[in-house]
Amino acid sequence: MRTDVNKITEQTPHQELTEGLMMFAGATSKNFKTGEWRTNTPVFIADKCKQCLLCAPVCPDSSIPVTEGKRGEFDYDHCKGCGICAKVCPFGAIEMKEGL
């Protein structure tokens, strides 16, 4: 079993890959860019945002960074497009778009 997931390339033999949907260590999710699973994409509309920060704690993927009390752009490498952030936003500052 491989322990260094960052070195997997197109040339990595299948025998060295970990079977999908299996985790062998905790706190490794940031090592996997799972955003490509997304079929819908949240789009942040900064002009509508009031920085209430209701979206950040409900994101199951921690894909909404908050720095110095203000939310930033989405971490699309890890966002799976669930839409919870858009549903909780009272100002319509997050819209879900198909694809992207």
PDB file of N, CA and C in Angstrom:
ATOM      1  N   MET A   1       0.841  -1.191   0.000  1.00  0.00           N
ATOM      2  CA  MET A   1       0.000   0.000   0.000  1.00  0.00           C
ATOM      3  C   MET A   1       0.881   1.249   0.000  1.00  0.00           C
ATOM      4  N   ARG A   2       0.532   2.227  -0.837  1.00  0.00           N
ATOM      5  CA  ARG A   2       1.279   3.487  -0.897  1.00  0.00           C
ATOM      6  C   ARG A   2       0.942   4.347   0.311  1.00  0.00           C
ATOM      7  N   THR A   3       1.934   5.036   0.820  1.00  0.00           N
ATOM      8  CA  THR A   3       1.684   5.963   1.910  1.00  0.00           C
ATOM      9  C   THR A   3       1.815   7.408   1.464  1.00  0.00           C
ATOM     10  N   ASP A   4       2.468   7.651   0.325  1.00  0.00           N
ATOM     11  CA  ASP A   4       2.674   9.007  -0.175  1.00  0.00           C
ATOM     12  C   ASP A   4       1.749   9.245  -1.370  1.00  0.00           C
ATOM     13  N   VAL A   5       0.498   9.682  -1.093  1.00  0.00           N
ATOM     14  CA  VAL A   5      -0.494   9.852  -2.151  1.00  0.00           C
ATOM     15  C   VAL A   5      -0.161  10.978  -3.114  1.00  0.00           C
ATOM     16  N   ASN A   6       0.691  11.905  -2.718  1.00  0.00           N
ATOM     17  CA  ASN A   6       1.023  13.028  -3.583  1.00  0.00           C
ATOM     18  C   ASN A   6       1.926  12.630  -4.741  1.00  0.00           C
ATOM     19  N   LYS A   7       2.494  11.458  -4.738  1.00  0.00           N
ATOM     20  CA  LYS A   7       3.407  11.027  -5.794  1.00  0.00           C
ATOM     21  C   LYS A   7       2.732  10.116  -6.809  1.00  0.00           C
ATOM     22  N   ILE A   8       1.439   9.917  -6.723  1.00  0.00           N
ATOM     23  CA  ILE A   8       0.732   9.097  -7.699  1.00  0.00           C
ATOM     24  C   ILE A   8       0.661   9.862  -9.019  1.00  0.00           C
ATOM     25  N   THR A   9       1.046   9.198 -10.097  1.00  0.00           N
ATOM     26  CA  THR A   9       1.005   9.807 -11.426  1.00  0.00           C
ATOM     27  C   THR A   9       0.287   8.858 -12.382  1.00  0.00           C
ATOM     28  N   GLU A  10       0.185   9.271 -13.636  1.00  0.00           N
ATOM     29  CA  GLU A  10      -0.441   8.418 -14.642  1.00  0.00           C
ATOM     30  C   GLU A  10       0.356   7.133 -14.867  1.00  0.00           C
ATOM     31  N   GLN A  11       1.621   7.142 -14.511  1.00  0.00           N
ATOM     32  CA  GLN A  11       2.469   5.969 -14.710  1.00  0.00           C
ATOM     33  C   GLN A  11       2.502   5.042 -13.486  1.00  0.00           C
ATOM     34  N   THR A  12       1.823   5.408 -12.397  1.00  0.00           N
ATOM     35  CA  THR A  12       1.822   4.576 -11.196  1.00  0.00           C
ATOM     36  C   THR A  12       1.109   3.259 -11.501  1.00  0.00           C
ATOM     37  N   PRO A  13       1.756   2.129 -11.244  1.00  0.00           N
ATOM     38  CA  PRO A  13       1.104   0.826 -11.477  1.00  0.00           C
ATOM     39  C   PRO A  13      -0.121   0.660 -10.584  1.00  0.00           C
ATOM     40  N   HIS A  14      -1.145   0.009 -11.104  1.00  0.00           N
ATOM     41  CA  HIS A  14      -2.379  -0.132 -10.346  1.00  0.00           C
ATOM     42  C   HIS A  14      -2.171  -0.887  -9.027  1.00  0.00           C
ATOM     43  N   GLN A  15      -1.164  -1.711  -8.945  1.00  0.00           N
ATOM     44  CA  GLN A  15      -0.904  -2.459  -7.713  1.00  0.00           C
ATOM     45  C   GLN A  15      -0.497  -1.543  -6.561  1.00  0.00           C
ATOM     46  N   GLU A  16      -0.045  -0.337  -6.871  1.00  0.00           N
ATOM     47  CA  GLU A  16       0.390   0.596  -5.841  1.00  0.00           C
ATOM     48  C   GLU A  16      -0.705   1.589  -5.426  1.00  0.00           C
ATOM     49  N   LEU A  17      -1.864   1.500  -6.037  1.00  0.00           N
ATOM     50  CA  LEU A  17      -2.949   2.422  -5.722  1.00  0.00           C
ATOM     51  C   LEU A  17      -3.826   1.886  -4.596  1.00  0.00           C
ATOM     52  N   THR A  18      -4.363   2.787  -3.796  1.00  0.00           N
ATOM     53  CA  THR A  18      -5.288   2.416  -2.744  1.00  0.00           C
ATOM     54  C   THR A  18      -6.684   2.270  -3.345  1.00  0.00           C
ATOM     55  N   GLU A  19      -7.385   1.245  -2.967  1.00  0.00           N
ATOM     56  CA  GLU A  19      -8.740   1.036  -3.454  1.00  0.00           C
ATOM     57  C   GLU A  19      -9.600   2.235  -3.076  1.00  0.00           C
ATOM     58  N   GLY A  20     -10.461   2.675  -3.982  1.00  0.00           N
ATOM     59  CA  GLY A  20     -11.296   3.849  -3.757  1.00  0.00           C
ATOM     60  C   GLY A  20     -12.219   3.737  -2.559  1.00  0.00           C
ATOM     61  N   LEU A  21     -12.559   4.875  -1.986  1.00  0.00           N
ATOM     62  CA  LEU A  21     -13.482   5.008  -0.859  1.00  0.00           C
ATOM     63  C   LEU A  21     -12.987   4.340   0.422  1.00  0.00           C
ATOM     64  N   MET A  22     -11.707   4.119   0.540  1.00  0.00           N
ATOM     65  CA  MET A  22     -11.152   3.532   1.751  1.00  0.00           C
ATOM     66  C   MET A  22     -10.132   4.503   2.336  1.00  0.00           C
ATOM     67  N   MET A  23     -10.196   4.719   3.645  1.00  0.00           N
ATOM     68  CA  MET A  23      -9.239   5.592   4.316  1.00  0.00           C
ATOM     69  C   MET A  23      -8.436   4.767   5.299  1.00  0.00           C
ATOM     70  N   PHE A  24      -7.147   5.022   5.327  1.00  0.00           N
ATOM     71  CA  PHE A  24      -6.268   4.272   6.207  1.00  0.00           C
ATOM     72  C   PHE A  24      -5.629   5.142   7.282  1.00  0.00           C
ATOM     73  N   ALA A  25      -5.939   6.434   7.275  1.00  0.00           N
ATOM     74  CA  ALA A  25      -5.419   7.342   8.297  1.00  0.00           C
ATOM     75  C   ALA A  25      -6.366   8.529   8.407  1.00  0.00           C
ATOM     76  N   GLY A  26      -6.467   9.075   9.585  1.00  0.00           N
ATOM     77  CA  GLY A  26      -7.309  10.241   9.803  1.00  0.00           C
ATOM     78  C   GLY A  26      -6.634  11.518   9.328  1.00  0.00           C
ATOM     79  N   ALA A  27      -7.424  12.544   9.135  1.00  0.00           N
ATOM     80  CA  ALA A  27      -6.943  13.882   8.768  1.00  0.00           C
ATOM     81  C   ALA A  27      -6.145  13.895   7.472  1.00  0.00           C
ATOM     82  N   THR A  28      -6.559  13.107   6.498  1.00  0.00           N
ATOM     83  CA  THR A  28      -5.856  13.065   5.215  1.00  0.00           C
ATOM     84  C   THR A  28      -6.667  13.675   4.075  1.00  0.00           C
ATOM     85  N   SER A  29      -7.855  14.188   4.341  1.00  0.00           N
ATOM     86  CA  SER A  29      -8.724  14.649   3.262  1.00  0.00           C
ATOM     87  C   SER A  29      -8.119  15.775   2.437  1.00  0.00           C
ATOM     88  N   LYS A  30      -7.290  16.606   3.020  1.00  0.00           N
ATOM     89  CA  LYS A  30      -6.666  17.695   2.257  1.00  0.00           C
ATOM     90  C   LYS A  30      -5.661  17.170   1.238  1.00  0.00           C
ATOM     91  N   ASN A  31      -5.258  15.900   1.355  1.00  0.00           N
ATOM     92  CA  ASN A  31      -4.336  15.307   0.391  1.00  0.00           C
ATOM     93  C   ASN A  31      -5.032  14.889  -0.895  1.00  0.00           C
ATOM     94  N   PHE A  32      -6.357  14.862  -0.888  1.00  0.00           N
ATOM     95  CA  PHE A  32      -7.116  14.393  -2.039  1.00  0.00           C
ATOM     96  C   PHE A  32      -7.952  15.537  -2.600  1.00  0.00           C
ATOM     97  N   LYS A  33      -7.768  15.868  -3.858  1.00  0.00           N
ATOM     98  CA  LYS A  33      -8.545  16.926  -4.502  1.00  0.00           C
ATOM     99  C   LYS A  33      -9.842  16.303  -5.015  1.00  0.00           C
ATOM    100  N   THR A  34     -10.876  16.417  -4.206  1.00  0.00           N
ATOM    101  CA  THR A  34     -12.151  15.767  -4.500  1.00  0.00           C
ATOM    102  C   THR A  34     -13.140  16.694  -5.195  1.00  0.00           C
ATOM    103  N   GLY A  35     -12.751  17.912  -5.469  1.00  0.00           N
ATOM    104  CA  GLY A  35     -13.646  18.865  -6.122  1.00  0.00           C
ATOM    105  C   GLY A  35     -14.075  18.451  -7.515  1.00  0.00           C
ATOM    106  N   GLU A  36     -13.304  17.596  -8.154  1.00  0.00           N
ATOM    107  CA  GLU A  36     -13.673  17.173  -9.507  1.00  0.00           C
ATOM    108  C   GLU A  36     -14.909  16.282  -9.512  1.00  0.00           C
ATOM    109  N   TRP A  37     -15.374  15.851  -8.356  1.00  0.00           N
ATOM    110  CA  TRP A  37     -16.603  15.055  -8.249  1.00  0.00           C
ATOM    111  C   TRP A  37     -17.835  15.920  -8.478  1.00  0.00           C
ATOM    112  N   ARG A  38     -17.666  17.219  -8.362  1.00  0.00           N
ATOM    113  CA  ARG A  38     -18.764  18.179  -8.342  1.00  0.00           C
ATOM    114  C   ARG A  38     -19.524  18.213  -9.673  1.00  0.00           C
ATOM    115  N   THR A  39     -20.864  18.241  -9.602  1.00  0.00           N
ATOM    116  CA  THR A  39     -21.682  18.466 -10.792  1.00  0.00           C
ATOM    117  C   THR A  39     -22.302  19.861 -10.760  1.00  0.00           C
ATOM    118  N   ASN A  40     -22.454  20.422  -9.567  1.00  0.00           N
ATOM    119  CA  ASN A  40     -22.914  21.798  -9.397  1.00  0.00           C
ATOM    120  C   ASN A  40     -21.836  22.566  -8.647  1.00  0.00           C
ATOM    121  N   THR A  41     -21.684  23.831  -8.984  1.00  0.00           N
ATOM    122  CA  THR A  41     -20.614  24.637  -8.406  1.00  0.00           C
ATOM    123  C   THR A  41     -21.187  25.882  -7.738  1.00  0.00           C
ATOM    124  N   PRO A  42     -20.800  26.144  -6.481  1.00  0.00           N
ATOM    125  CA  PRO A  42     -21.238  27.377  -5.849  1.00  0.00           C
ATOM    126  C   PRO A  42     -20.426  28.564  -6.380  1.00  0.00           C
ATOM    127  N   VAL A  43     -21.111  29.647  -6.651  1.00  0.00           N
ATOM    128  CA  VAL A  43     -20.451  30.861  -7.132  1.00  0.00           C
ATOM    129  C   VAL A  43     -20.686  31.951  -6.089  1.00  0.00           C
ATOM    130  N   PHE A  44     -19.600  32.529  -5.603  1.00  0.00           N
ATOM    131  CA  PHE A  44     -19.643  33.568  -4.571  1.00  0.00           C
ATOM    132  C   PHE A  44     -19.856  34.930  -5.230  1.00  0.00           C
ATOM    133  N   ILE A  45     -20.885  35.650  -4.782  1.00  0.00           N
ATOM    134  CA  ILE A  45     -21.196  36.990  -5.300  1.00  0.00           C
ATOM    135  C   ILE A  45     -20.846  37.981  -4.194  1.00  0.00           C
ATOM    136  N   ALA A  46     -19.638  38.495  -4.255  1.00  0.00           N
ATOM    137  CA  ALA A  46     -19.096  39.334  -3.182  1.00  0.00           C
ATOM    138  C   ALA A  46     -19.944  40.572  -2.897  1.00  0.00           C
ATOM    139  N   ASP A  47     -20.558  41.161  -3.917  1.00  0.00           N
ATOM    140  CA  ASP A  47     -21.362  42.374  -3.731  1.00  0.00           C
ATOM    141  C   ASP A  47     -22.580  42.132  -2.836  1.00  0.00           C
ATOM    142  N   LYS A  48     -23.094  40.921  -2.821  1.00  0.00           N
ATOM    143  CA  LYS A  48     -24.267  40.595  -2.004  1.00  0.00           C
ATOM    144  C   LYS A  48     -23.896  40.114  -0.606  1.00  0.00           C
ATOM    145  N   CYS A  49     -22.655  39.704  -0.412  1.00  0.00           N
ATOM    146  CA  CYS A  49     -22.221  39.115   0.850  1.00  0.00           C
ATOM    147  C   CYS A  49     -22.136  40.170   1.956  1.00  0.00           C
ATOM    148  N   LYS A  50     -22.725  39.857   3.110  1.00  0.00           N
ATOM    149  CA  LYS A  50     -22.679  40.752   4.275  1.00  0.00           C
ATOM    150  C   LYS A  50     -21.721  40.233   5.337  1.00  0.00           C
ATOM    151  N   GLN A  51     -20.936  39.214   4.993  1.00  0.00           N
ATOM    152  CA  GLN A  51     -19.950  38.621   5.899  1.00  0.00           C
ATOM    153  C   GLN A  51     -20.567  38.120   7.206  1.00  0.00           C
ATOM    154  N   CYS A  52     -21.761  37.540   7.097  1.00  0.00           N
ATOM    155  CA  CYS A  52     -22.405  36.969   8.285  1.00  0.00           C
ATOM    156  C   CYS A  52     -21.738  35.651   8.682  1.00  0.00           C
ATOM    157  N   LEU A  53     -21.039  35.040   7.734  1.00  0.00           N
ATOM    158  CA  LEU A  53     -20.273  33.809   7.939  1.00  0.00           C
ATOM    159  C   LEU A  53     -21.131  32.597   8.299  1.00  0.00           C
ATOM    160  N   LEU A  54     -22.414  32.625   7.945  1.00  0.00           N
ATOM    161  CA  LEU A  54     -23.260  31.454   8.193  1.00  0.00           C
ATOM    162  C   LEU A  54     -22.868  30.291   7.289  1.00  0.00           C
ATOM    163  N   CYS A  55     -22.269  30.590   6.149  1.00  0.00           N
ATOM    164  CA  CYS A  55     -21.924  29.546   5.179  1.00  0.00           C
ATOM    165  C   CYS A  55     -20.739  28.690   5.617  1.00  0.00           C
ATOM    166  N   ALA A  56     -19.747  29.294   6.218  1.00  0.00           N
ATOM    167  CA  ALA A  56     -18.506  28.575   6.532  1.00  0.00           C
ATOM    168  C   ALA A  56     -18.690  27.382   7.469  1.00  0.00           C
ATOM    169  N   PRO A  57     -19.387  27.519   8.593  1.00  0.00           N
ATOM    170  CA  PRO A  57     -19.478  26.364   9.493  1.00  0.00           C
ATOM    171  C   PRO A  57     -20.359  25.226   8.992  1.00  0.00           C
ATOM    172  N   VAL A  58     -21.227  25.477   8.014  1.00  0.00           N
ATOM    173  CA  VAL A  58     -22.091  24.401   7.517  1.00  0.00           C
ATOM    174  C   VAL A  58     -21.455  23.627   6.363  1.00  0.00           C
ATOM    175  N   CYS A  59     -20.355  24.107   5.844  1.00  0.00           N
ATOM    176  CA  CYS A  59     -19.690  23.426   4.726  1.00  0.00           C
ATOM    177  C   CYS A  59     -19.060  22.128   5.230  1.00  0.00           C
ATOM    178  N   PRO A  60     -19.534  20.980   4.734  1.00  0.00           N
ATOM    179  CA  PRO A  60     -18.992  19.710   5.220  1.00  0.00           C
ATOM    180  C   PRO A  60     -17.563  19.441   4.756  1.00  0.00           C
ATOM    181  N   ASP A  61     -17.068  20.215   3.793  1.00  0.00           N
ATOM    182  CA  ASP A  61     -15.723  20.011   3.271  1.00  0.00           C
ATOM    183  C   ASP A  61     -14.744  21.106   3.687  1.00  0.00           C
ATOM    184  N   SER A  62     -15.177  22.013   4.548  1.00  0.00           N
ATOM    185  CA  SER A  62     -14.342  23.151   4.970  1.00  0.00           C
ATOM    186  C   SER A  62     -13.768  23.880   3.761  1.00  0.00           C
ATOM    187  N   SER A  63     -14.609  24.097   2.769  1.00  0.00           N
ATOM    188  CA  SER A  63     -14.172  24.713   1.511  1.00  0.00           C
ATOM    189  C   SER A  63     -14.429  26.211   1.446  1.00  0.00           C
ATOM    190  N   ILE A  64     -14.824  26.797   2.579  1.00  0.00           N
ATOM    191  CA  ILE A  64     -15.034  28.248   2.619  1.00  0.00           C
ATOM    192  C   ILE A  64     -14.077  28.813   3.665  1.00  0.00           C
ATOM    193  N   PRO A  65     -12.935  29.311   3.204  1.00  0.00           N
ATOM    194  CA  PRO A  65     -11.956  29.833   4.161  1.00  0.00           C
ATOM    195  C   PRO A  65     -12.406  31.149   4.778  1.00  0.00           C
ATOM    196  N   VAL A  66     -12.075  31.320   6.046  1.00  0.00           N
ATOM    197  CA  VAL A  66     -12.362  32.570   6.755  1.00  0.00           C
ATOM    198  C   VAL A  66     -11.041  33.087   7.309  1.00  0.00           C
ATOM    199  N   THR A  67     -10.716  34.331   6.953  1.00  0.00           N
ATOM    200  CA  THR A  67      -9.487  34.958   7.422  1.00  0.00           C
ATOM    201  C   THR A  67      -9.832  36.326   7.987  1.00  0.00           C
ATOM    202  N   GLU A  68      -9.416  36.562   9.213  1.00  0.00           N
ATOM    203  CA  GLU A  68      -9.658  37.840   9.885  1.00  0.00           C
ATOM    204  C   GLU A  68     -11.129  38.236   9.847  1.00  0.00           C
ATOM    205  N   GLY A  69     -12.014  37.262  10.081  1.00  0.00           N
ATOM    206  CA  GLY A  69     -13.443  37.523  10.163  1.00  0.00           C
ATOM    207  C   GLY A  69     -14.151  37.729   8.845  1.00  0.00           C
ATOM    208  N   LYS A  70     -13.487  37.423   7.730  1.00  0.00           N
ATOM    209  CA  LYS A  70     -14.110  37.577   6.414  1.00  0.00           C
ATOM    210  C   LYS A  70     -13.929  36.295   5.612  1.00  0.00           C
ATOM    211  N   ARG A  71     -14.984  35.912   4.924  1.00  0.00           N
ATOM    212  CA  ARG A  71     -14.903  34.713   4.098  1.00  0.00           C
ATOM    213  C   ARG A  71     -14.154  35.014   2.819  1.00  0.00           C
ATOM    214  N   GLY A  72     -13.478  33.997   2.310  1.00  0.00           N
ATOM    215  CA  GLY A  72     -12.744  34.144   1.059  1.00  0.00           C
ATOM    216  C   GLY A  72     -13.431  33.383  -0.063  1.00  0.00           C
ATOM    217  N   GLU A  73     -12.738  33.230  -1.167  1.00  0.00           N
ATOM    218  CA  GLU A  73     -13.253  32.474  -2.301  1.00  0.00           C
ATOM    219  C   GLU A  73     -13.305  30.992  -1.949  1.00  0.00           C
ATOM    220  N   PHE A  74     -14.120  30.252  -2.651  1.00  0.00           N
ATOM    221  CA  PHE A  74     -14.255  28.819  -2.405  1.00  0.00           C
ATOM    222  C   PHE A  74     -12.954  28.076  -2.689  1.00  0.00           C
ATOM    223  N   ASP A  75     -12.721  27.035  -1.940  1.00  0.00           N
ATOM    224  CA  ASP A  75     -11.639  26.091  -2.209  1.00  0.00           C
ATOM    225  C   ASP A  75     -12.235  25.032  -3.132  1.00  0.00           C
ATOM    226  N   TYR A  76     -12.157  25.282  -4.435  1.00  0.00           N
ATOM    227  CA  TYR A  76     -12.776  24.381  -5.405  1.00  0.00           C
ATOM    228  C   TYR A  76     -12.045  23.045  -5.527  1.00  0.00           C
ATOM    229  N   ASP A  77     -10.842  22.961  -5.000  1.00  0.00           N
ATOM    230  CA  ASP A  77     -10.139  21.672  -5.006  1.00  0.00           C
ATOM    231  C   ASP A  77     -10.850  20.648  -4.131  1.00  0.00           C
ATOM    232  N   HIS A  78     -11.602  21.130  -3.131  1.00  0.00           N
ATOM    233  CA  HIS A  78     -12.234  20.211  -2.175  1.00  0.00           C
ATOM    234  C   HIS A  78     -13.763  20.317  -2.123  1.00  0.00           C
ATOM    235  N   CYS A  79     -14.337  21.388  -2.637  1.00  0.00           N
ATOM    236  CA  CYS A  79     -15.791  21.571  -2.649  1.00  0.00           C
ATOM    237  C   CYS A  79     -16.438  20.533  -3.554  1.00  0.00           C
ATOM    238  N   LYS A  80     -17.454  19.857  -3.029  1.00  0.00           N
ATOM    239  CA  LYS A  80     -18.151  18.835  -3.806  1.00  0.00           C
ATOM    240  C   LYS A  80     -19.489  19.326  -4.354  1.00  0.00           C
ATOM    241  N   GLY A  81     -19.810  20.598  -4.137  1.00  0.00           N
ATOM    242  CA  GLY A  81     -21.004  21.182  -4.741  1.00  0.00           C
ATOM    243  C   GLY A  81     -22.318  20.754  -4.121  1.00  0.00           C
ATOM    244  N   CYS A  82     -22.330  20.501  -2.817  1.00  0.00           N
ATOM    245  CA  CYS A  82     -23.549  20.015  -2.164  1.00  0.00           C
ATOM    246  C   CYS A  82     -24.648  21.083  -2.111  1.00  0.00           C
ATOM    247  N   GLY A  83     -24.260  22.377  -2.078  1.00  0.00           N
ATOM    248  CA  GLY A  83     -25.233  23.461  -2.079  1.00  0.00           C
ATOM    249  C   GLY A  83     -25.739  23.890  -0.717  1.00  0.00           C
ATOM    250  N   ILE A  84     -25.235  23.299   0.346  1.00  0.00           N
ATOM    251  CA  ILE A  84     -25.675  23.690   1.691  1.00  0.00           C
ATOM    252  C   ILE A  84     -25.378  25.162   1.935  1.00  0.00           C
ATOM    253  N   CYS A  85     -24.228  25.630   1.486  1.00  0.00           N
ATOM    254  CA  CYS A  85     -23.850  27.031   1.693  1.00  0.00           C
ATOM    255  C   CYS A  85     -24.852  27.974   1.028  1.00  0.00           C
ATOM    256  N   ALA A  86     -25.290  27.640  -0.163  1.00  0.00           N
ATOM    257  CA  ALA A  86     -26.245  28.485  -0.890  1.00  0.00           C
ATOM    258  C   ALA A  86     -27.598  28.505  -0.186  1.00  0.00           C
ATOM    259  N   LYS A  87     -28.006  27.367   0.367  1.00  0.00           N
ATOM    260  CA  LYS A  87     -29.298  27.304   1.057  1.00  0.00           C
ATOM    261  C   LYS A  87     -29.297  28.124   2.348  1.00  0.00           C
ATOM    262  N   VAL A  88     -28.154  28.166   3.035  1.00  0.00           N
ATOM    263  CA  VAL A  88     -28.095  28.854   4.323  1.00  0.00           C
ATOM    264  C   VAL A  88     -27.853  30.364   4.177  1.00  0.00           C
ATOM    265  N   CYS A  89     -27.367  30.809   3.025  1.00  0.00           N
ATOM    266  CA  CYS A  89     -27.049  32.233   2.841  1.00  0.00           C
ATOM    267  C   CYS A  89     -28.336  33.066   2.752  1.00  0.00           C
ATOM    268  N   PRO A  90     -28.565  33.966   3.719  1.00  0.00           N
ATOM    269  CA  PRO A  90     -29.796  34.771   3.716  1.00  0.00           C
ATOM    270  C   PRO A  90     -29.770  35.942   2.728  1.00  0.00           C
ATOM    271  N   PHE A  91     -28.619  36.171   2.102  1.00  0.00           N
ATOM    272  CA  PHE A  91     -28.481  37.332   1.220  1.00  0.00           C
ATOM    273  C   PHE A  91     -28.359  36.968  -0.256  1.00  0.00           C
ATOM    274  N   GLY A  92     -28.425  35.697  -0.577  1.00  0.00           N
ATOM    275  CA  GLY A  92     -28.309  35.267  -1.968  1.00  0.00           C
ATOM    276  C   GLY A  92     -26.928  35.500  -2.546  1.00  0.00           C
ATOM    277  N   ALA A  93     -25.906  35.467  -1.690  1.00  0.00           N
ATOM    278  CA  ALA A  93     -24.541  35.728  -2.130  1.00  0.00           C
ATOM    279  C   ALA A  93     -23.846  34.489  -2.684  1.00  0.00           C
ATOM    280  N   ILE A  94     -24.538  33.359  -2.661  1.00  0.00           N
ATOM    281  CA  ILE A  94     -23.991  32.138  -3.234  1.00  0.00           C
ATOM    282  C   ILE A  94     -25.038  31.524  -4.144  1.00  0.00           C
ATOM    283  N   GLU A  95     -24.683  31.364  -5.402  1.00  0.00           N
ATOM    284  CA  GLU A  95     -25.580  30.746  -6.374  1.00  0.00           C
ATOM    285  C   GLU A  95     -24.955  29.466  -6.871  1.00  0.00           C
ATOM    286  N   MET A  96     -25.793  28.441  -7.029  1.00  0.00           N
ATOM    287  CA  MET A  96     -25.320  27.173  -7.559  1.00  0.00           C
ATOM    288  C   MET A  96     -25.467  27.185  -9.071  1.00  0.00           C
ATOM    289  N   LYS A  97     -24.408  26.813  -9.762  1.00  0.00           N
ATOM    290  CA  LYS A  97     -24.398  26.753 -11.221  1.00  0.00           C
ATOM    291  C   LYS A  97     -24.058  25.326 -11.640  1.00  0.00           C
ATOM    292  N   GLU A  98     -24.709  24.843 -12.669  1.00  0.00           N
ATOM    293  CA  GLU A  98     -24.417  23.505 -13.162  1.00  0.00           C
ATOM    294  C   GLU A  98     -23.071  23.527 -13.896  1.00  0.00           C
ATOM    295  N   GLY A  99     -22.276  22.515 -13.621  1.00  0.00           N
ATOM    296  CA  GLY A  99     -20.973  22.418 -14.262  1.00  0.00           C
ATOM    297  C   GLY A  99     -19.969  23.367 -13.667  1.00  0.00           C
ATOM    298  N   LEU A 100     -19.295  24.107 -14.525  1.00  0.00           N
ATOM    299  CA  LEU A 100     -18.214  25.026 -14.170  1.00  0.00           C
ATOM    300  C   LEU A 100     -17.082  24.218 -13.664  1.00  0.00           C
TER     301      LEU A 100
END
